[in-house]
Amino acid sequence: MAYVIKNNMDSVNALKNLTENTKAQNKSLQKAASGEKINGAGDGASEYAISERMRVQVKSLDQDDMNAQNGISILNTASGAIESTINILRTMKEKAIDAANDSNSDVDRAAIQKVIDQSIDQINDNAQVSYNGIMMLDGSRNSAVVEGGTYTHLTNEKLATDTTFETTLVDLKDRSNNSLGIQKTDTIVVSWVKNGETKTVSISPLTYEGQKKVPAFPAPIYVPTTLDHNLGTIISRTAADVDIDIVDGNEKNPDGTIKGFNYIGTDEANEPVYTTSGENGITLKAKEPGLAGQIAGLTIAVFDSDGNPRKSVNAALDSFTETIQAQNQSEDNALVFQIGTKANQSIKAGFMDMRASALGLESASDNSADANKYEDSTKVPANTNIIVSKKLNVSSQATANVAINVIDNALQKALNQQTMIGAETSRLEYTSANLVMSSENTQAAESVIRDADMAKTQTAYARDSILAQAAQAMLAQSNQNSSSVLSLLQ
């Protein structure tokens, strides 16, 4: 073996092993300290990229869950306000029923009216509820409504399926085809509420005496003596003609087919609406769209010649319920809750207008109807009496009776909105649970790629530490061996 000093290969080799072992020791130490086996792209380029994308996904899912939770908070805020409105409407119906009882004097009804007025004001206050400055129930956050707005539609499904608006009152039958037993000597009272104003048409007897000018489409016509009133005449061609129209079941579809009397009308999305049973019904439609033309409630009552109500008749005839709600034209202003990691992965929540005017409890504008225009109209029979009140009124037995149906319709609107909010809340809760699970699973997958096995890391650290110490010792030994060359120079 040659003795050399310029290139001490033993030391070089020992130094190389010491350097490698020290680097390995440092990597093991870094993994043990961070708990991750991938601390940078140098530790595994593909694994690093995959795990980083997963970390972004986890953060995004966590934010989605936060969005869902905030959405639930918004919906709960709106739900609480509507719950208060429902409670108020419940009290208002109780007061209206009380006012409809003649055990109350006019003074008593005036006091009840004050309660009704204050209740309406509180409903308007409820509609001003907000979350983080966002108004929800004032009509500013509703879904899209077709151009021109929607019309109030009221449908009766308790009359015989072959009933049309040409059916005379005395020939009306119930759903079981039993005659309602209306007599020509009876009195029929039709009452409705538009813009908070109660209007009433009272007709008796149920025949026209002599030659009378009666409105018909397209122009007024004369009718012969003792022509029996039909349903269309009473509802659509009396004084109600200015507010209410009929939905003709003989109207044709674009393809030429007959729509039928199970067809009601079109909703806010311009989609056709049919009766829930699929059978024929009688549908009334407001003459004007939106809240300005809204018919908040319709009451039809029949009384015999002694003034006693015909209960079985009224049960069938006074059953017009709201099937399409009047709404003003609107763009889509519904709230959007972002609940996905990609663009447009969201849930929309639209809120209907819950102000008193939208519920039909007060005027949507300051324009009030003029009673005199009915008195001068040739469309009103001479024996027609009209009463007009400015707001939802319980100051008399008759107006209080009409108010009951109006409040029922308002209550149904509030319940529909509450049900929709409840369904959206439930969906967001399911969404939140799904997001939490997705975040957990994604984090578990990222852990498999990136997290260090601490037992294995500690074992590697101990091994690298021993090897580094051994290499350091051998380096010292190799340096010592080279010094023996000096003995040859002595």
Protein backbone atom coordinates (compact mmCIF):
# COMPACT_ATOMS: atom_id res chain seq x y z
CA MET A 1 0.00 0.00 0.00
CA ALA A 2 1.36 3.41 -1.03
CA TYR A 3 1.66 6.21 1.46
CA VAL A 4 0.23 9.45 0.01
CA ILE A 5 -0.71 12.76 1.63
CA LYS A 6 -1.97 14.94 -1.22
CA ASN A 7 -5.18 12.93 -1.75
CA ASN A 8 -6.31 11.25 1.42
CA MET A 9 -9.04 9.16 -0.12
CA ASP A 10 -9.94 7.52 3.15
CA SER A 11 -10.76 10.94 4.61
CA VAL A 12 -12.58 12.02 1.46
CA ASN A 13 -14.74 8.89 1.58
CA ALA A 14 -15.43 9.30 5.28
CA LEU A 15 -16.32 12.97 4.73
CA LYS A 16 -18.71 12.06 1.91
CA ASN A 17 -20.51 9.53 4.12
CA LEU A 18 -20.59 11.99 7.00
CA THR A 19 -22.17 14.64 4.75
CA GLU A 20 -24.80 12.24 3.39
CA ASN A 21 -25.62 10.87 6.83
CA THR A 22 -25.85 14.40 8.23
CA LYS A 23 -28.25 15.43 5.43
CA ALA A 24 -30.37 12.33 6.02
CA GLN A 25 -30.32 13.06 9.75
CA ASN A 26 -31.44 16.64 9.12
CA LYS A 27 -34.29 15.48 6.83
CA SER A 28 -35.45 12.98 9.42
CA LEU A 29 -35.22 15.71 12.05
CA GLN A 30 -37.32 18.06 9.82
CA LYS A 31 -39.95 15.39 9.25
CA ALA A 32 -40.11 14.61 12.96
CA ALA A 33 -40.35 18.29 13.84
CA SER A 34 -43.04 19.15 11.21
CA GLY A 35 -44.90 15.85 11.29
CA GLU A 36 -44.83 15.81 7.47
CA LYS A 37 -42.88 13.60 5.16
CA ILE A 38 -43.39 16.09 2.29
CA ASN A 39 -42.00 19.47 3.35
CA GLY A 40 -41.35 20.81 -0.11
CA ALA A 41 -41.42 19.96 -3.79
CA GLY A 42 -37.95 18.43 -3.40
CA ASP A 43 -39.37 15.71 -1.18
CA GLY A 44 -41.68 14.54 -3.98
CA ALA A 45 -42.87 16.86 -6.74
CA SER A 46 -46.09 15.06 -7.68
CA GLU A 47 -47.04 14.28 -4.10
CA TYR A 48 -46.42 17.90 -3.14
CA ALA A 49 -48.69 19.21 -5.95
CA ILE A 50 -51.48 16.75 -5.15
CA SER A 51 -51.41 17.47 -1.44
CA GLU A 52 -51.35 21.25 -1.98
CA ARG A 53 -54.46 20.99 -4.18
CA MET A 54 -56.10 18.93 -1.48
CA ARG A 55 -55.22 21.57 1.12
CA VAL A 56 -56.88 24.23 -1.05
CA GLN A 57 -59.91 21.96 -1.38
CA VAL A 58 -60.14 21.51 2.38
CA LYS A 59 -59.96 25.27 2.98
CA SER A 60 -62.59 25.87 0.31
CA LEU A 61 -64.93 23.25 1.77
CA ASP A 62 -64.54 24.78 5.21
CA GLN A 63 -65.49 28.20 3.80
CA ASP A 64 -68.46 26.63 2.01
CA ASP A 65 -69.61 25.23 5.32
CA MET A 66 -69.27 28.68 6.86
CA ASN A 67 -71.34 30.10 3.98
CA ALA A 68 -73.99 27.47 4.59
CA GLN A 69 -74.06 28.28 8.29
CA ASN A 70 -74.44 31.99 7.51
CA GLY A 71 -77.22 31.14 5.09
CA ILE A 72 -79.00 29.20 7.81
CA SER A 73 -78.65 32.22 10.10
CA ILE A 74 -80.22 34.46 7.44
CA LEU A 75 -83.10 32.04 6.91
CA ASN A 76 -83.65 31.69 10.65
CA THR A 77 -83.80 35.47 10.98
CA ALA A 78 -86.45 35.68 8.26
CA SER A 79 -88.30 32.69 9.72
CA GLY A 80 -88.52 34.38 13.11
CA ALA A 81 -90.09 37.49 11.58
CA ILE A 82 -92.62 35.43 9.64
CA GLU A 83 -93.44 33.42 12.75
CA SER A 84 -94.29 36.71 14.45
CA THR A 85 -96.48 37.66 11.47
CA ILE A 86 -98.27 34.32 11.65
CA ASN A 87 -98.97 34.89 15.34
CA ILE A 88 -100.32 38.36 14.55
CA LEU A 89 -102.56 36.99 11.79
CA ARG A 90 -103.84 34.35 14.19
CA THR A 91 -104.80 37.11 16.61
CA MET A 92 -106.31 39.19 13.80
CA LYS A 93 -108.54 36.30 12.73
CA GLU A 94 -109.66 35.88 16.32
CA LYS A 95 -110.53 39.60 16.42
CA ALA A 96 -112.30 39.44 13.04
CA ILE A 97 -114.44 36.52 14.20
CA ASP A 98 -115.21 38.45 17.36
CA ALA A 99 -116.19 41.53 15.33
CA ALA A 100 -118.41 39.40 13.08
CA ASN A 101 -120.55 38.55 16.11
CA ASP A 102 -123.44 40.94 16.73
CA SER A 103 -122.92 40.73 20.47
CA ASN A 104 -120.51 43.61 19.85
CA SER A 105 -121.70 47.16 19.54
CA ASP A 106 -120.27 49.66 17.07
CA VAL A 107 -118.10 51.02 19.87
CA ASP A 108 -116.74 47.53 20.51
CA ARG A 109 -115.96 47.03 16.85
CA ALA A 110 -114.23 50.40 16.71
CA ALA A 111 -111.95 49.20 19.51
CA ILE A 112 -111.30 45.95 17.66
CA GLN A 113 -110.50 47.97 14.54
CA LYS A 114 -107.75 49.76 16.46
CA VAL A 115 -106.22 46.40 17.31
CA ILE A 116 -106.40 45.37 13.64
CA ASP A 117 -104.73 48.62 12.55
CA GLN A 118 -101.89 48.20 15.04
CA SER A 119 -101.46 44.58 13.98
CA ILE A 120 -101.12 45.63 10.35
CA ASP A 121 -98.46 48.17 11.35
CA GLN A 122 -96.55 45.48 13.22
CA ILE A 123 -96.67 43.17 10.19
CA ASN A 124 -95.03 45.96 8.20
CA ASP A 125 -92.39 46.28 10.92
CA ASN A 126 -91.75 42.52 10.75
CA ALA A 127 -91.16 42.83 7.01
CA GLN A 128 -88.27 45.23 7.70
CA VAL A 129 -86.19 42.53 9.39
CA SER A 130 -82.59 42.45 8.18
CA TYR A 131 -79.38 40.45 8.50
CA ASN A 132 -76.10 42.33 8.14
CA GLY A 133 -78.05 45.16 6.54
CA ILE A 134 -79.74 42.81 4.03
CA MET A 135 -83.53 43.24 3.89
CA MET A 136 -85.35 40.01 3.19
CA LEU A 137 -89.12 40.33 3.50
CA ASP A 138 -89.78 43.76 2.02
CA GLY A 139 -90.05 42.46 -1.55
CA SER A 140 -86.47 43.39 -2.47
CA ARG A 141 -85.17 39.81 -2.37
CA ASN A 142 -87.81 37.93 -4.32
CA SER A 143 -87.28 35.57 -7.24
CA ALA A 144 -87.95 36.64 -10.82
CA VAL A 145 -91.56 37.50 -11.70
CA VAL A 146 -92.72 37.62 -15.32
CA GLU A 147 -93.10 40.89 -17.16
CA GLY A 148 -96.23 42.69 -16.06
CA GLY A 149 -96.49 40.69 -12.83
CA THR A 150 -98.90 37.93 -11.89
CA TYR A 151 -102.65 38.07 -11.35
CA THR A 152 -104.56 36.89 -8.32
CA HIS A 153 -106.31 33.62 -9.16
CA LEU A 154 -109.03 32.23 -6.90
CA THR A 155 -110.28 28.70 -7.54
CA ASN A 156 -113.31 26.77 -6.30
CA GLU A 157 -113.14 22.97 -6.44
CA LYS A 158 -116.27 22.23 -4.42
CA LEU A 159 -118.82 22.73 -7.18
CA ALA A 160 -119.87 20.02 -9.64
CA THR A 161 -117.21 19.27 -12.25
CA ASP A 162 -119.57 20.25 -15.07
CA THR A 163 -120.12 23.73 -13.60
CA THR A 164 -119.33 26.66 -15.89
CA PHE A 165 -119.84 30.37 -15.52
CA GLU A 166 -122.96 30.01 -17.63
CA THR A 167 -124.56 27.71 -15.06
CA THR A 168 -127.45 29.55 -13.42
CA LEU A 169 -127.38 29.96 -9.67
CA VAL A 170 -130.52 27.92 -9.17
CA ASP A 171 -128.93 25.01 -11.06
CA LEU A 172 -125.67 24.93 -9.12
CA LYS A 173 -124.65 21.58 -7.63
CA ASP A 174 -121.99 20.47 -5.18
CA ARG A 175 -119.12 18.09 -5.95
CA SER A 176 -121.42 15.11 -5.39
CA ASN A 177 -123.89 16.51 -7.96
CA ASN A 178 -126.45 17.33 -5.30
CA SER A 179 -128.40 20.52 -5.95
CA LEU A 180 -127.46 23.45 -3.76
CA GLY A 181 -131.12 24.41 -3.65
CA ILE A 182 -130.71 28.11 -4.42
CA GLN A 183 -134.07 29.82 -4.95
CA LYS A 184 -134.86 32.83 -7.12
CA THR A 185 -136.17 34.59 -4.02
CA ASP A 186 -132.82 34.22 -2.28
CA THR A 187 -130.31 37.02 -1.82
CA ILE A 188 -126.72 36.59 -2.88
CA VAL A 189 -123.97 38.77 -1.42
CA VAL A 190 -120.58 38.89 -3.13
CA SER A 191 -117.82 40.65 -1.18
CA TRP A 192 -114.20 41.07 -2.05
CA VAL A 193 -111.22 43.12 -0.89
CA LYS A 194 -108.92 45.03 -3.21
CA ASN A 195 -106.13 47.27 -1.93
CA GLY A 196 -107.47 46.93 1.60
CA GLU A 197 -110.91 48.16 0.55
CA THR A 198 -113.93 45.99 1.17
CA LYS A 199 -116.54 45.98 -1.59
CA THR A 200 -119.91 44.29 -1.46
CA VAL A 201 -122.54 43.54 -4.10
CA SER A 202 -125.96 42.42 -2.87
CA ILE A 203 -128.55 41.16 -5.40
CA SER A 204 -132.12 40.01 -4.82
CA PRO A 205 -134.17 38.51 -6.32
CA LEU A 206 -131.98 36.40 -8.54
CA THR A 207 -133.76 37.47 -11.73
CA TYR A 208 -133.74 40.60 -13.84
CA GLU A 209 -137.12 42.30 -14.04
CA GLY A 210 -138.05 43.50 -17.53
CA GLN A 211 -135.53 44.53 -20.13
CA LYS A 212 -132.22 45.16 -18.42
CA LYS A 213 -128.92 46.23 -19.89
CA VAL A 214 -126.39 43.68 -18.71
CA PRO A 215 -122.68 43.71 -19.59
CA ALA A 216 -121.54 40.92 -21.84
CA PHE A 217 -118.44 40.44 -23.87
CA PRO A 218 -117.54 42.25 -26.01
CA ALA A 219 -120.31 44.81 -25.39
CA PRO A 220 -123.38 45.29 -23.16
CA ILE A 221 -126.51 43.50 -24.33
CA TYR A 222 -130.19 43.51 -23.35
CA VAL A 223 -131.58 40.41 -21.69
CA PRO A 224 -135.19 39.19 -21.65
CA THR A 225 -137.49 39.33 -18.68
CA THR A 226 -136.82 37.06 -15.68
CA LEU A 227 -133.49 35.77 -16.99
CA ASP A 228 -131.93 33.85 -14.15
CA HIS A 229 -128.56 35.09 -12.94
CA ASN A 230 -125.71 32.75 -13.80
CA LEU A 231 -122.46 32.44 -11.89
CA GLY A 232 -120.53 34.53 -14.39
CA THR A 233 -123.08 37.33 -14.20
CA ILE A 234 -122.97 37.48 -10.43
CA ILE A 235 -119.21 37.41 -10.11
CA SER A 236 -117.83 38.90 -13.29
CA ARG A 237 -120.61 40.95 -14.85
CA THR A 238 -121.94 42.88 -11.89
CA ALA A 239 -120.05 45.58 -10.06
CA ALA A 240 -117.20 43.13 -9.64
CA ASP A 241 -116.52 43.59 -13.34
CA VAL A 242 -114.01 46.33 -12.55
CA ASP A 243 -111.92 44.03 -10.35
CA ILE A 244 -112.48 40.38 -11.28
CA ASP A 245 -112.55 38.40 -14.50
CA ILE A 246 -113.29 34.75 -15.18
CA VAL A 247 -110.93 32.10 -16.54
CA ASP A 248 -112.73 30.56 -19.48
CA GLY A 249 -112.10 26.83 -19.66
CA ASN A 250 -112.88 26.90 -23.37
CA GLU A 251 -109.79 28.99 -24.05
CA LYS A 252 -107.46 27.32 -26.52
CA ASN A 253 -103.80 26.42 -26.23
CA PRO A 254 -101.38 27.48 -28.98
CA ASP A 255 -101.77 24.01 -30.56
CA GLY A 256 -105.54 24.47 -30.78
CA THR A 257 -106.52 22.15 -27.91
CA ILE A 258 -108.95 23.27 -25.21
CA LYS A 259 -107.31 24.21 -21.91
CA GLY A 260 -110.23 22.93 -19.85
CA PHE A 261 -111.63 24.07 -16.53
CA ASN A 262 -108.82 22.34 -14.63
CA TYR A 263 -106.52 25.03 -16.01
CA ILE A 264 -106.05 27.94 -13.61
CA GLY A 265 -103.47 30.28 -15.12
CA THR A 266 -99.73 31.00 -15.20
CA ASP A 267 -97.44 31.62 -12.24
CA GLU A 268 -94.51 33.98 -11.74
CA ALA A 269 -92.31 31.83 -14.00
CA ASN A 270 -94.99 31.83 -16.73
CA GLU A 271 -95.61 28.14 -16.07
CA PRO A 272 -99.18 26.76 -16.31
CA VAL A 273 -100.98 25.95 -13.06
CA TYR A 274 -103.76 23.37 -12.79
CA THR A 275 -106.14 22.31 -10.04
CA THR A 276 -104.60 20.10 -7.39
CA SER A 277 -107.09 17.30 -8.09
CA GLY A 278 -106.78 17.58 -11.85
CA GLU A 279 -110.55 17.89 -12.07
CA ASN A 280 -112.52 20.88 -13.31
CA GLY A 281 -112.84 23.92 -11.10
CA ILE A 282 -114.10 27.47 -11.33
CA THR A 283 -111.34 30.08 -11.38
CA LEU A 284 -111.56 33.85 -11.00
CA LYS A 285 -108.77 36.16 -12.08
CA ALA A 286 -108.05 39.72 -11.00
CA LYS A 287 -108.55 42.28 -13.76
CA GLU A 288 -105.21 43.93 -13.03
CA PRO A 289 -101.81 42.36 -12.35
CA GLY A 290 -99.54 42.91 -9.37
CA LEU A 291 -100.34 44.16 -5.91
CA ALA A 292 -102.37 47.09 -7.22
CA GLY A 293 -104.91 44.67 -8.70
CA GLN A 294 -104.70 42.03 -5.99
CA ILE A 295 -107.96 40.46 -4.80
CA ALA A 296 -107.17 39.67 -1.19
CA GLY A 297 -110.31 37.69 -0.45
CA LEU A 298 -113.66 36.76 -1.95
CA THR A 299 -116.75 35.85 0.02
CA ILE A 300 -120.02 34.62 -1.49
CA ALA A 301 -123.00 34.16 0.79
CA VAL A 302 -126.59 33.17 0.01
CA PHE A 303 -129.52 34.06 2.27
CA ASP A 304 -133.10 32.85 2.04
CA SER A 305 -136.09 35.19 1.88
CA ASP A 306 -136.10 35.42 5.71
CA GLY A 307 -132.47 36.50 5.81
CA ASN A 308 -131.14 33.19 7.13
CA PRO A 309 -127.85 31.98 5.64
CA ARG A 310 -127.99 28.81 3.56
CA LYS A 311 -125.10 27.02 5.23
CA SER A 312 -124.78 24.08 2.85
CA VAL A 313 -124.88 26.46 -0.11
CA ASN A 314 -122.31 28.79 1.41
CA ALA A 315 -120.00 25.89 2.25
CA ALA A 316 -119.75 25.04 -1.46
CA LEU A 317 -120.00 28.51 -2.98
CA ASP A 318 -117.79 30.38 -0.53
CA SER A 319 -114.74 28.21 -1.21
CA PHE A 320 -112.63 30.31 -3.55
CA THR A 321 -109.05 29.88 -2.39
CA GLU A 322 -105.98 31.62 -3.76
CA THR A 323 -104.13 29.40 -6.24
CA ILE A 324 -101.84 32.01 -7.83
CA GLN A 325 -100.59 34.95 -5.79
CA ALA A 326 -100.41 38.47 -7.19
CA GLN A 327 -96.84 39.75 -7.46
CA ASN A 328 -95.29 42.78 -9.08
CA GLN A 329 -92.94 42.38 -12.01
CA SER A 330 -89.41 41.83 -10.77
CA GLU A 331 -85.95 40.74 -11.73
CA ASP A 332 -84.37 37.81 -9.93
CA ASN A 333 -83.11 39.33 -6.68
CA ALA A 334 -82.98 36.12 -4.66
CA LEU A 335 -80.08 35.62 -2.26
CA VAL A 336 -77.34 33.31 -3.50
CA PHE A 337 -75.46 31.06 -1.06
CA GLN A 338 -72.14 29.80 -2.50
CA ILE A 339 -71.78 26.24 -1.21
CA GLY A 340 -69.34 24.69 -3.73
CA THR A 341 -65.64 24.89 -4.55
CA LYS A 342 -66.39 25.73 -8.19
CA ALA A 343 -68.08 28.79 -9.66
CA ASN A 344 -71.90 28.84 -9.63
CA GLN A 345 -72.20 25.93 -7.22
CA SER A 346 -74.83 27.68 -5.15
CA ILE A 347 -78.30 27.60 -3.62
CA LYS A 348 -80.77 30.41 -4.21
CA ALA A 349 -83.29 31.58 -1.64
CA GLY A 350 -86.04 33.96 -2.72
CA PHE A 351 -88.29 35.71 -0.23
CA MET A 352 -91.81 36.83 -1.06
CA ASP A 353 -93.06 40.24 -0.03
CA MET A 354 -94.42 39.93 3.49
CA ARG A 355 -95.62 43.51 3.91
CA ALA A 356 -99.26 44.07 4.80
CA SER A 357 -100.04 45.36 1.31
CA ALA A 358 -98.68 42.17 -0.27
CA LEU A 359 -100.78 40.14 2.16
CA GLY A 360 -103.87 42.06 1.08
CA LEU A 361 -104.41 43.77 4.41
CA GLU A 362 -104.00 47.34 3.20
CA SER A 363 -103.71 49.35 0.00
CA ALA A 364 -100.63 48.86 -2.14
CA SER A 365 -100.89 52.54 -3.07
CA ASP A 366 -102.69 55.69 -1.98
CA ASN A 367 -105.32 55.33 -4.69
CA SER A 368 -108.68 54.45 -3.16
CA ALA A 369 -111.75 53.36 -5.06
CA ASP A 370 -114.57 55.81 -5.66
CA ALA A 371 -117.92 54.35 -4.70
CA ASN A 372 -119.82 56.77 -6.91
CA LYS A 373 -118.48 55.28 -10.09
CA TYR A 374 -120.35 52.09 -9.32
CA GLU A 375 -123.62 53.91 -8.80
CA ASP A 376 -123.38 55.56 -12.23
CA SER A 377 -122.33 52.39 -14.04
CA THR A 378 -124.84 50.75 -16.37
CA LYS A 379 -123.14 47.47 -15.56
CA VAL A 380 -124.69 47.42 -12.11
CA PRO A 381 -128.32 46.27 -11.72
CA ALA A 382 -130.64 48.77 -10.05
CA ASN A 383 -131.06 46.52 -7.03
CA THR A 384 -127.31 46.39 -6.36
CA ASN A 385 -125.90 47.96 -3.21
CA ILE A 386 -122.18 48.71 -2.92
CA ILE A 387 -120.22 49.44 0.23
CA VAL A 388 -116.62 50.62 -0.03
CA SER A 389 -114.23 50.87 2.90
CA LYS A 390 -110.74 52.32 2.71
CA LYS A 391 -108.84 49.62 4.62
CA LEU A 392 -109.40 46.10 5.83
CA ASN A 393 -112.38 46.80 7.97
CA VAL A 394 -114.09 45.05 10.85
CA SER A 395 -116.29 47.97 11.88
CA SER A 396 -119.45 46.13 10.84
CA GLN A 397 -120.67 42.55 10.87
CA ALA A 398 -120.54 42.35 7.07
CA THR A 399 -117.02 43.71 6.63
CA ALA A 400 -115.71 41.65 9.54
CA ASN A 401 -117.10 38.55 7.87
CA VAL A 402 -115.24 39.38 4.67
CA ALA A 403 -112.07 40.10 6.65
CA ILE A 404 -112.01 36.50 7.89
CA ASN A 405 -111.37 35.18 4.37
CA VAL A 406 -108.80 37.92 3.71
CA ILE A 407 -106.87 36.99 6.84
CA ASP A 408 -107.08 33.30 5.88
CA ASN A 409 -105.48 34.09 2.52
CA ALA A 410 -102.82 36.25 4.19
CA LEU A 411 -102.12 33.46 6.64
CA GLN A 412 -101.74 31.00 3.76
CA LYS A 413 -99.23 33.32 2.06
CA ALA A 414 -97.20 33.57 5.27
CA LEU A 415 -97.34 29.82 5.82
CA ASN A 416 -96.25 29.15 2.24
CA GLN A 417 -93.23 31.41 2.72
CA GLN A 418 -92.46 29.85 6.10
CA THR A 419 -92.65 26.38 4.56
CA MET A 420 -90.30 27.41 1.77
CA ILE A 421 -87.82 28.86 4.25
CA GLY A 422 -88.02 25.70 6.33
CA ALA A 423 -87.28 23.56 3.28
CA GLU A 424 -84.33 25.77 2.31
CA THR A 425 -83.01 25.68 5.88
CA SER A 426 -83.23 21.89 5.92
CA ARG A 427 -81.39 21.74 2.61
CA LEU A 428 -78.60 23.98 3.89
CA GLU A 429 -78.28 21.84 7.00
CA TYR A 430 -77.85 18.75 4.84
CA THR A 431 -75.41 20.70 2.67
CA SER A 432 -73.40 21.72 5.72
CA ALA A 433 -73.20 18.12 6.93
CA ASN A 434 -72.08 16.99 3.48
CA LEU A 435 -69.43 19.71 3.29
CA VAL A 436 -68.04 18.76 6.71
CA MET A 437 -67.81 15.12 5.62
CA SER A 438 -66.18 16.03 2.30
CA SER A 439 -63.65 18.22 4.10
CA GLU A 440 -62.86 15.41 6.53
CA ASN A 441 -62.41 12.84 3.76
CA THR A 442 -60.25 15.17 1.68
CA GLN A 443 -58.09 15.94 4.70
CA ALA A 444 -57.70 12.22 5.39
CA ALA A 445 -56.58 11.65 1.80
CA GLU A 446 -54.09 14.52 2.08
CA SER A 447 -52.79 13.02 5.32
CA VAL A 448 -51.97 9.73 3.61
CA ILE A 449 -49.82 11.59 1.08
CA ARG A 450 -48.16 14.16 3.29
CA ASP A 451 -48.15 13.21 6.96
CA ALA A 452 -45.06 11.48 8.35
CA ASP A 453 -45.12 8.10 10.08
CA MET A 454 -43.55 9.27 13.33
CA ALA A 455 -42.36 5.79 14.41
CA LYS A 456 -40.68 5.24 11.05
CA THR A 457 -39.27 8.77 11.06
CA GLN A 458 -37.79 8.33 14.54
CA THR A 459 -36.24 5.03 13.51
CA ALA A 460 -34.68 6.66 10.45
CA TYR A 461 -33.44 9.56 12.58
CA ALA A 462 -31.78 7.24 15.06
CA ARG A 463 -30.14 5.28 12.25
CA ASP A 464 -28.90 8.43 10.48
CA SER A 465 -27.63 9.86 13.75
CA ILE A 466 -25.58 6.73 14.49
CA LEU A 467 -24.23 6.63 10.96
CA ALA A 468 -23.27 10.30 11.14
CA GLN A 469 -21.42 9.73 14.39
CA ALA A 470 -19.67 6.67 12.94
CA ALA A 471 -18.67 8.61 9.81
CA GLN A 472 -17.37 11.42 12.00
CA ALA A 473 -15.28 8.93 14.01
CA MET A 474 -13.92 7.31 10.86
CA LEU A 475 -13.02 10.71 9.46
CA ALA A 476 -11.02 11.46 12.57
CA GLN A 477 -9.36 8.06 12.33
CA SER A 478 -8.49 8.50 8.67
CA ASN A 479 -6.95 11.88 9.43
CA GLN A 480 -4.93 10.29 12.20
CA ASN A 481 -3.69 7.57 9.86
CA SER A 482 -2.31 10.14 7.45
CA SER A 483 -0.15 11.65 10.18
CA SER A 484 1.91 8.42 10.31
CA VAL A 485 3.62 9.55 7.08
CA LEU A 486 5.47 12.14 9.18
CA SER A 487 7.53 9.37 10.80
CA LEU A 488 9.18 8.74 7.44
CA LEU A 489 10.36 12.34 7.31
CA GLN A 490 12.16 12.25 10.69
